[in-house]
Amino acid sequence: MRMKRRRISYLIAAIVVAFLGLSSRRYSRLLPEFLASYAGDTLWALMVFLGIGIMFPIWSTLLVSVTALLFSFSIELSQLYHSTWVEQIRRTRVGGLILGYDYMWSDLLCYGVGIAVGSILEMVLKGQKMRWNQTGSPI
């Protein structure tokens, strides 16, 4: 059964995730080293998952996940390309947040984890909603 995502819920989640991701960079010195190193990239990918879910609310979780992964990997691989015009975009705050700066293979792993977290949470929440609809009472 395919269910339509509630855009407002995903938008609120994306805003919260963006806030957490930016905070993980700004306050990285207060976090354990592992979180300071990897939380931002993982949350960025989760935000991509949520953003694609907002744009395409009737897509399956699998299609949203694959699209988010392809988008995220494309952005990371684009960091291998260094031309003057791309570097000018990366020097802006928004350009740097979206395009990143330097290719790192560990970012690919973070993207996979972030998108997997989004996928698992969505499937769990969809399962709970489906059970509610089938039984007529909460779990």
N, C-alpha and C. Protein backbone atom coordinates (compact mmCIF):
# COMPACT_ATOMS: atom_id res chain seq x y z
N MET A 1 0.84 -1.19 0.00
CA MET A 1 0.00 0.00 0.00
C MET A 1 0.87 1.24 0.00
N ARG A 2 0.69 2.11 -0.97
CA ARG A 2 1.49 3.33 -1.08
C ARG A 2 0.76 4.45 -0.35
N MET A 3 1.49 5.13 0.52
CA MET A 3 0.88 6.21 1.28
C MET A 3 1.55 7.52 0.92
N LYS A 4 0.78 8.56 0.85
CA LYS A 4 1.31 9.88 0.56
C LYS A 4 1.93 10.47 1.83
N ARG A 5 3.10 11.03 1.67
CA ARG A 5 3.77 11.68 2.80
C ARG A 5 3.08 12.99 3.12
N ARG A 6 3.07 13.35 4.38
CA ARG A 6 2.54 14.65 4.79
C ARG A 6 3.68 15.65 4.68
N ARG A 7 3.58 16.53 3.71
CA ARG A 7 4.66 17.48 3.43
C ARG A 7 5.01 18.34 4.63
N ILE A 8 4.04 18.79 5.36
CA ILE A 8 4.32 19.65 6.51
C ILE A 8 5.14 18.92 7.56
N SER A 9 4.85 17.65 7.78
CA SER A 9 5.63 16.86 8.76
C SER A 9 7.07 16.71 8.30
N TYR A 10 7.26 16.46 7.01
CA TYR A 10 8.60 16.29 6.48
C TYR A 10 9.35 17.62 6.47
N LEU A 11 8.64 18.72 6.22
CA LEU A 11 9.27 20.04 6.24
C LEU A 11 9.75 20.38 7.65
N ILE A 12 8.92 20.12 8.63
CA ILE A 12 9.32 20.37 10.02
C ILE A 12 10.52 19.49 10.39
N ALA A 13 10.47 18.22 9.99
CA ALA A 13 11.60 17.32 10.27
C ALA A 13 12.87 17.82 9.57
N ALA A 14 12.75 18.29 8.33
CA ALA A 14 13.91 18.78 7.59
C ALA A 14 14.50 20.02 8.27
N ILE A 15 13.65 20.90 8.77
CA ILE A 15 14.13 22.09 9.48
C ILE A 15 14.88 21.70 10.75
N VAL A 16 14.32 20.75 11.49
CA VAL A 16 14.98 20.28 12.72
C VAL A 16 16.33 19.63 12.39
N VAL A 17 16.35 18.80 11.35
CA VAL A 17 17.59 18.12 10.94
C VAL A 17 18.62 19.15 10.47
N ALA A 18 18.19 20.15 9.71
CA ALA A 18 19.11 21.20 9.26
C ALA A 18 19.69 21.95 10.46
N PHE A 19 18.86 22.28 11.42
CA PHE A 19 19.32 22.96 12.63
C PHE A 19 20.35 22.10 13.37
N LEU A 20 20.05 20.81 13.52
CA LEU A 20 20.99 19.91 14.20
C LEU A 20 22.30 19.78 13.42
N GLY A 21 22.20 19.70 12.09
CA GLY A 21 23.40 19.58 11.27
C GLY A 21 24.28 20.81 11.36
N LEU A 22 23.66 21.99 11.26
CA LEU A 22 24.44 23.23 11.38
C LEU A 22 25.02 23.38 12.78
N SER A 23 24.25 22.98 13.78
CA SER A 23 24.74 23.04 15.17
C SER A 23 25.91 22.08 15.38
N SER A 24 25.86 20.92 14.71
CA SER A 24 26.96 19.96 14.87
C SER A 24 28.27 20.52 14.32
N ARG A 25 28.18 21.42 13.37
CA ARG A 25 29.39 22.07 12.84
C ARG A 25 29.82 23.24 13.73
N ARG A 26 28.85 24.05 14.10
CA ARG A 26 29.15 25.24 14.88
C ARG A 26 29.69 24.90 16.28
N TYR A 27 29.14 23.88 16.88
CA TYR A 27 29.51 23.51 18.25
C TYR A 27 30.29 22.20 18.28
N SER A 28 31.03 21.93 17.24
CA SER A 28 31.74 20.65 17.14
C SER A 28 32.73 20.43 18.29
N ARG A 29 33.27 21.50 18.81
CA ARG A 29 34.24 21.35 19.90
C ARG A 29 33.59 20.82 21.19
N LEU A 30 32.26 20.92 21.28
CA LEU A 30 31.55 20.43 22.46
C LEU A 30 31.11 18.98 22.32
N LEU A 31 31.26 18.43 21.13
CA LEU A 31 30.80 17.06 20.86
C LEU A 31 31.96 16.07 20.93
N PRO A 32 31.67 14.82 21.18
CA PRO A 32 32.71 13.79 21.06
C PRO A 32 33.27 13.83 19.63
N GLU A 33 34.52 13.48 19.48
CA GLU A 33 35.21 13.60 18.19
C GLU A 33 34.47 12.87 17.06
N PHE A 34 33.98 11.68 17.34
CA PHE A 34 33.28 10.91 16.31
C PHE A 34 32.06 11.67 15.79
N LEU A 35 31.24 12.19 16.71
CA LEU A 35 30.06 12.95 16.30
C LEU A 35 30.44 14.24 15.59
N ALA A 36 31.46 14.91 16.10
CA ALA A 36 31.89 16.16 15.46
C ALA A 36 32.35 15.91 14.03
N SER A 37 32.95 14.76 13.78
CA SER A 37 33.47 14.46 12.45
C SER A 37 32.40 14.02 11.47
N TYR A 38 31.41 13.27 11.94
CA TYR A 38 30.50 12.61 11.00
C TYR A 38 29.02 13.02 11.09
N ALA A 39 28.61 13.67 12.15
CA ALA A 39 27.19 14.01 12.31
C ALA A 39 26.70 14.94 11.21
N GLY A 40 27.47 15.94 10.86
CA GLY A 40 27.03 16.92 9.86
C GLY A 40 26.72 16.29 8.51
N ASP A 41 27.60 15.43 8.03
CA ASP A 41 27.39 14.78 6.73
C ASP A 41 26.23 13.78 6.78
N THR A 42 26.10 13.10 7.90
CA THR A 42 25.01 12.14 8.05
C THR A 42 23.67 12.87 8.08
N LEU A 43 23.60 13.96 8.82
CA LEU A 43 22.37 14.74 8.89
C LEU A 43 22.07 15.43 7.56
N TRP A 44 23.11 15.84 6.83
CA TRP A 44 22.91 16.44 5.50
C TRP A 44 22.19 15.45 4.59
N ALA A 45 22.63 14.21 4.60
CA ALA A 45 22.01 13.20 3.75
C ALA A 45 20.58 12.90 4.21
N LEU A 46 20.35 12.90 5.50
CA LEU A 46 18.99 12.71 6.01
C LEU A 46 18.10 13.86 5.53
N MET A 47 18.63 15.06 5.52
CA MET A 47 17.88 16.21 5.03
C MET A 47 17.58 16.08 3.53
N VAL A 48 18.53 15.55 2.76
CA VAL A 48 18.28 15.30 1.34
C VAL A 48 17.14 14.30 1.19
N PHE A 49 17.16 13.23 1.97
CA PHE A 49 16.08 12.24 1.96
C PHE A 49 14.73 12.91 2.24
N LEU A 50 14.68 13.73 3.28
CA LEU A 50 13.44 14.41 3.63
C LEU A 50 13.01 15.38 2.53
N GLY A 51 13.98 16.09 1.95
CA GLY A 51 13.66 17.04 0.88
C GLY A 51 13.07 16.36 -0.34
N ILE A 52 13.62 15.23 -0.70
CA ILE A 52 13.07 14.49 -1.85
C ILE A 52 11.69 13.94 -1.50
N GLY A 53 11.52 13.53 -0.26
CA GLY A 53 10.20 13.09 0.20
C GLY A 53 9.17 14.20 0.13
N ILE A 54 9.59 15.43 0.40
CA ILE A 54 8.70 16.60 0.29
C ILE A 54 8.33 16.85 -1.16
N MET A 55 9.32 16.79 -2.03
CA MET A 55 9.07 17.10 -3.45
C MET A 55 8.25 16.03 -4.14
N PHE A 56 8.40 14.78 -3.72
CA PHE A 56 7.72 13.66 -4.37
C PHE A 56 6.99 12.82 -3.33
N PRO A 57 5.88 13.32 -2.80
CA PRO A 57 5.23 12.68 -1.66
C PRO A 57 4.62 11.31 -1.95
N ILE A 58 4.40 10.95 -3.20
CA ILE A 58 3.80 9.64 -3.45
C ILE A 58 4.84 8.59 -3.86
N TRP A 59 6.10 8.98 -3.96
CA TRP A 59 7.14 8.01 -4.29
C TRP A 59 7.29 7.01 -3.15
N SER A 60 7.71 5.81 -3.51
CA SER A 60 7.99 4.79 -2.49
C SER A 60 9.24 5.17 -1.70
N THR A 61 9.34 4.60 -0.53
CA THR A 61 10.53 4.83 0.30
C THR A 61 11.79 4.42 -0.45
N LEU A 62 11.73 3.32 -1.17
CA LEU A 62 12.89 2.85 -1.93
C LEU A 62 13.30 3.87 -2.99
N LEU A 63 12.34 4.40 -3.73
CA LEU A 63 12.67 5.37 -4.79
C LEU A 63 13.23 6.66 -4.20
N VAL A 64 12.67 7.12 -3.10
CA VAL A 64 13.20 8.32 -2.42
C VAL A 64 14.62 8.04 -1.95
N SER A 65 14.86 6.87 -1.37
CA SER A 65 16.19 6.52 -0.86
C SER A 65 17.23 6.45 -1.96
N VAL A 66 16.89 5.79 -3.05
CA VAL A 66 17.84 5.66 -4.17
C VAL A 66 18.13 7.03 -4.77
N THR A 67 17.10 7.85 -4.94
CA THR A 67 17.29 9.19 -5.50
C THR A 67 18.16 10.03 -4.58
N ALA A 68 17.90 9.98 -3.28
CA ALA A 68 18.69 10.73 -2.31
C ALA A 68 20.15 10.27 -2.32
N LEU A 69 20.35 8.96 -2.42
CA LEU A 69 21.71 8.42 -2.46
C LEU A 69 22.44 8.85 -3.73
N LEU A 70 21.78 8.77 -4.87
CA LEU A 70 22.39 9.21 -6.12
C LEU A 70 22.71 10.70 -6.09
N PHE A 71 21.80 11.50 -5.58
CA PHE A 71 22.04 12.94 -5.47
C PHE A 71 23.24 13.22 -4.56
N SER A 72 23.23 12.59 -3.38
CA SER A 72 24.31 12.81 -2.41
C SER A 72 25.66 12.37 -2.95
N PHE A 73 25.71 11.20 -3.57
CA PHE A 73 26.95 10.71 -4.15
C PHE A 73 27.42 11.62 -5.28
N SER A 74 26.48 12.13 -6.07
CA SER A 74 26.84 13.04 -7.16
C SER A 74 27.48 14.31 -6.62
N ILE A 75 26.90 14.85 -5.56
CA ILE A 75 27.47 16.05 -4.95
C ILE A 75 28.88 15.76 -4.45
N GLU A 76 29.06 14.62 -3.79
CA GLU A 76 30.39 14.28 -3.27
C GLU A 76 31.40 14.11 -4.40
N LEU A 77 31.00 13.39 -5.44
CA LEU A 77 31.91 13.19 -6.57
C LEU A 77 32.21 14.49 -7.30
N SER A 78 31.27 15.43 -7.27
CA SER A 78 31.52 16.73 -7.91
C SER A 78 32.64 17.49 -7.21
N GLN A 79 32.96 17.11 -5.99
CA GLN A 79 34.03 17.76 -5.25
C GLN A 79 35.42 17.41 -5.81
N LEU A 80 35.46 16.45 -6.71
CA LEU A 80 36.72 16.13 -7.39
C LEU A 80 36.99 17.12 -8.52
N TYR A 81 35.96 17.89 -8.89
CA TYR A 81 36.07 18.86 -9.98
C TYR A 81 36.34 20.24 -9.40
N HIS A 82 37.42 20.87 -9.83
CA HIS A 82 37.80 22.18 -9.31
C HIS A 82 38.05 23.15 -10.45
N SER A 83 37.04 23.90 -10.79
CA SER A 83 37.23 24.98 -11.77
C SER A 83 36.94 26.29 -11.06
N THR A 84 37.30 27.37 -11.69
CA THR A 84 37.15 28.69 -11.07
C THR A 84 35.70 28.99 -10.69
N TRP A 85 34.78 28.72 -11.60
CA TRP A 85 33.38 29.07 -11.33
C TRP A 85 32.78 28.22 -10.22
N VAL A 86 33.16 26.94 -10.15
CA VAL A 86 32.66 26.07 -9.08
C VAL A 86 33.24 26.49 -7.74
N GLU A 87 34.51 26.84 -7.74
CA GLU A 87 35.15 27.26 -6.50
C GLU A 87 34.54 28.56 -5.99
N GLN A 88 34.13 29.45 -6.88
CA GLN A 88 33.47 30.69 -6.47
C GLN A 88 32.13 30.38 -5.79
N ILE A 89 31.42 29.42 -6.32
CA ILE A 89 30.15 29.02 -5.69
C ILE A 89 30.42 28.39 -4.33
N ARG A 90 31.43 27.54 -4.25
CA ARG A 90 31.74 26.86 -2.98
C ARG A 90 32.19 27.84 -1.90
N ARG A 91 32.73 28.99 -2.31
CA ARG A 91 33.19 29.98 -1.32
C ARG A 91 32.03 30.72 -0.65
N THR A 92 30.83 30.64 -1.23
CA THR A 92 29.67 31.23 -0.56
C THR A 92 29.19 30.29 0.53
N ARG A 93 28.50 30.81 1.50
CA ARG A 93 28.03 29.97 2.61
C ARG A 93 27.08 28.88 2.11
N VAL A 94 26.09 29.27 1.32
CA VAL A 94 25.11 28.30 0.82
C VAL A 94 25.78 27.32 -0.14
N GLY A 95 26.63 27.81 -1.02
CA GLY A 95 27.34 26.94 -1.96
C GLY A 95 28.20 25.92 -1.25
N GLY A 96 28.88 26.35 -0.20
CA GLY A 96 29.71 25.43 0.57
C GLY A 96 28.90 24.39 1.32
N LEU A 97 27.74 24.81 1.86
CA LEU A 97 26.89 23.86 2.57
C LEU A 97 26.30 22.81 1.64
N ILE A 98 25.95 23.24 0.42
CA ILE A 98 25.33 22.30 -0.51
C ILE A 98 26.37 21.47 -1.24
N LEU A 99 27.39 22.12 -1.80
CA LEU A 99 28.36 21.42 -2.65
C LEU A 99 29.55 20.85 -1.89
N GLY A 100 29.80 21.34 -0.70
CA GLY A 100 30.96 20.87 0.04
C GLY A 100 32.25 21.41 -0.57
N TYR A 101 33.38 20.92 -0.06
CA TYR A 101 34.67 21.47 -0.48
C TYR A 101 35.60 20.39 -1.04
N ASP A 102 35.83 19.37 -0.25
CA ASP A 102 36.81 18.36 -0.63
C ASP A 102 36.19 16.97 -0.59
N TYR A 103 36.54 16.15 -1.56
CA TYR A 103 36.06 14.77 -1.62
C TYR A 103 36.65 13.96 -0.47
N MET A 104 35.77 13.21 0.19
CA MET A 104 36.21 12.29 1.24
C MET A 104 35.36 11.03 1.13
N TRP A 105 35.98 9.89 1.03
CA TRP A 105 35.23 8.64 0.89
C TRP A 105 34.34 8.40 2.10
N SER A 106 34.77 8.87 3.27
CA SER A 106 33.97 8.66 4.48
C SER A 106 32.63 9.38 4.40
N ASP A 107 32.56 10.46 3.63
CA ASP A 107 31.28 11.15 3.45
C ASP A 107 30.27 10.25 2.77
N LEU A 108 30.73 9.41 1.83
CA LEU A 108 29.82 8.49 1.15
C LEU A 108 29.18 7.53 2.16
N LEU A 109 29.97 7.08 3.10
CA LEU A 109 29.44 6.20 4.15
C LEU A 109 28.43 6.95 5.02
N CYS A 110 28.75 8.19 5.38
CA CYS A 110 27.83 9.00 6.17
C CYS A 110 26.51 9.20 5.43
N TYR A 111 26.58 9.44 4.14
CA TYR A 111 25.37 9.64 3.34
C TYR A 111 24.51 8.37 3.37
N GLY A 112 25.16 7.23 3.23
CA GLY A 112 24.43 5.97 3.28
C GLY A 112 23.74 5.78 4.62
N VAL A 113 24.43 6.11 5.70
CA VAL A 113 23.85 5.97 7.04
C VAL A 113 22.68 6.93 7.22
N GLY A 114 22.85 8.18 6.82
CA GLY A 114 21.79 9.18 6.97
C GLY A 114 20.53 8.80 6.21
N ILE A 115 20.70 8.33 4.99
CA ILE A 115 19.56 7.93 4.17
C ILE A 115 18.93 6.66 4.71
N ALA A 116 19.75 5.74 5.21
CA ALA A 116 19.21 4.52 5.82
C ALA A 116 18.38 4.85 7.05
N VAL A 117 18.85 5.79 7.86
CA VAL A 117 18.09 6.21 9.05
C VAL A 117 16.74 6.77 8.62
N GLY A 118 16.74 7.64 7.60
CA GLY A 118 15.48 8.19 7.11
C GLY A 118 14.55 7.11 6.60
N SER A 119 15.09 6.17 5.85
CA SER A 119 14.28 5.08 5.28
C SER A 119 13.68 4.21 6.38
N ILE A 120 14.49 3.85 7.35
CA ILE A 120 14.02 2.98 8.44
C ILE A 120 12.95 3.70 9.26
N LEU A 121 13.19 4.96 9.59
CA LEU A 121 12.19 5.71 10.35
C LEU A 121 10.89 5.83 9.58
N GLU A 122 10.98 6.09 8.29
CA GLU A 122 9.77 6.21 7.48
C GLU A 122 9.01 4.89 7.44
N MET A 123 9.71 3.79 7.25
CA MET A 123 9.03 2.49 7.20
C MET A 123 8.39 2.15 8.54
N VAL A 124 9.08 2.45 9.64
CA VAL A 124 8.53 2.19 10.96
C VAL A 124 7.28 3.05 11.17
N LEU A 125 7.36 4.32 10.84
CA LEU A 125 6.21 5.21 11.03
C LEU A 125 5.06 4.85 10.10
N LYS A 126 5.37 4.45 8.88
CA LYS A 126 4.31 4.00 7.96
C LYS A 126 3.65 2.74 8.50
N GLY A 127 4.42 1.83 9.04
CA GLY A 127 3.88 0.60 9.60
C GLY A 127 2.95 0.89 10.76
N GLN A 128 3.32 1.84 11.62
CA GLN A 128 2.46 2.20 12.73
C GLN A 128 1.17 2.82 12.23
N LYS A 129 1.25 3.67 11.24
CA LYS A 129 0.05 4.31 10.71
C LYS A 129 -0.85 3.28 10.04
N MET A 130 -0.27 2.33 9.31
CA MET A 130 -1.06 1.31 8.65
C MET A 130 -1.78 0.45 9.69
N ARG A 131 -1.11 0.11 10.78
CA ARG A 131 -1.75 -0.69 11.83
C ARG A 131 -2.90 0.09 12.47
N TRP A 132 -2.70 1.39 12.64
CA TRP A 132 -3.76 2.24 13.19
C TRP A 132 -4.97 2.18 12.27
N ASN A 133 -4.72 2.33 10.98
CA ASN A 133 -5.82 2.34 10.02
C ASN A 133 -6.53 0.99 9.95
N GLN A 134 -5.81 -0.09 10.10
CA GLN A 134 -6.41 -1.41 9.96
C GLN A 134 -7.21 -1.81 11.18
N THR A 135 -6.75 -1.44 12.36
CA THR A 135 -7.43 -1.87 13.57
C THR A 135 -8.40 -0.83 14.10
N GLY A 136 -8.21 0.42 13.70
CA GLY A 136 -9.09 1.48 14.18
C GLY A 136 -8.74 1.99 15.56
N SER A 137 -7.64 1.50 16.12
CA SER A 137 -7.22 1.99 17.44
C SER A 137 -5.70 2.09 17.46
N PRO A 138 -5.18 2.92 18.33
CA PRO A 138 -3.72 3.08 18.39
C PRO A 138 -3.03 1.83 18.90
N ILE A 139 -1.74 1.75 18.64
CA ILE A 139 -0.93 0.61 19.08
C ILE A 139 -0.71 0.68 20.56
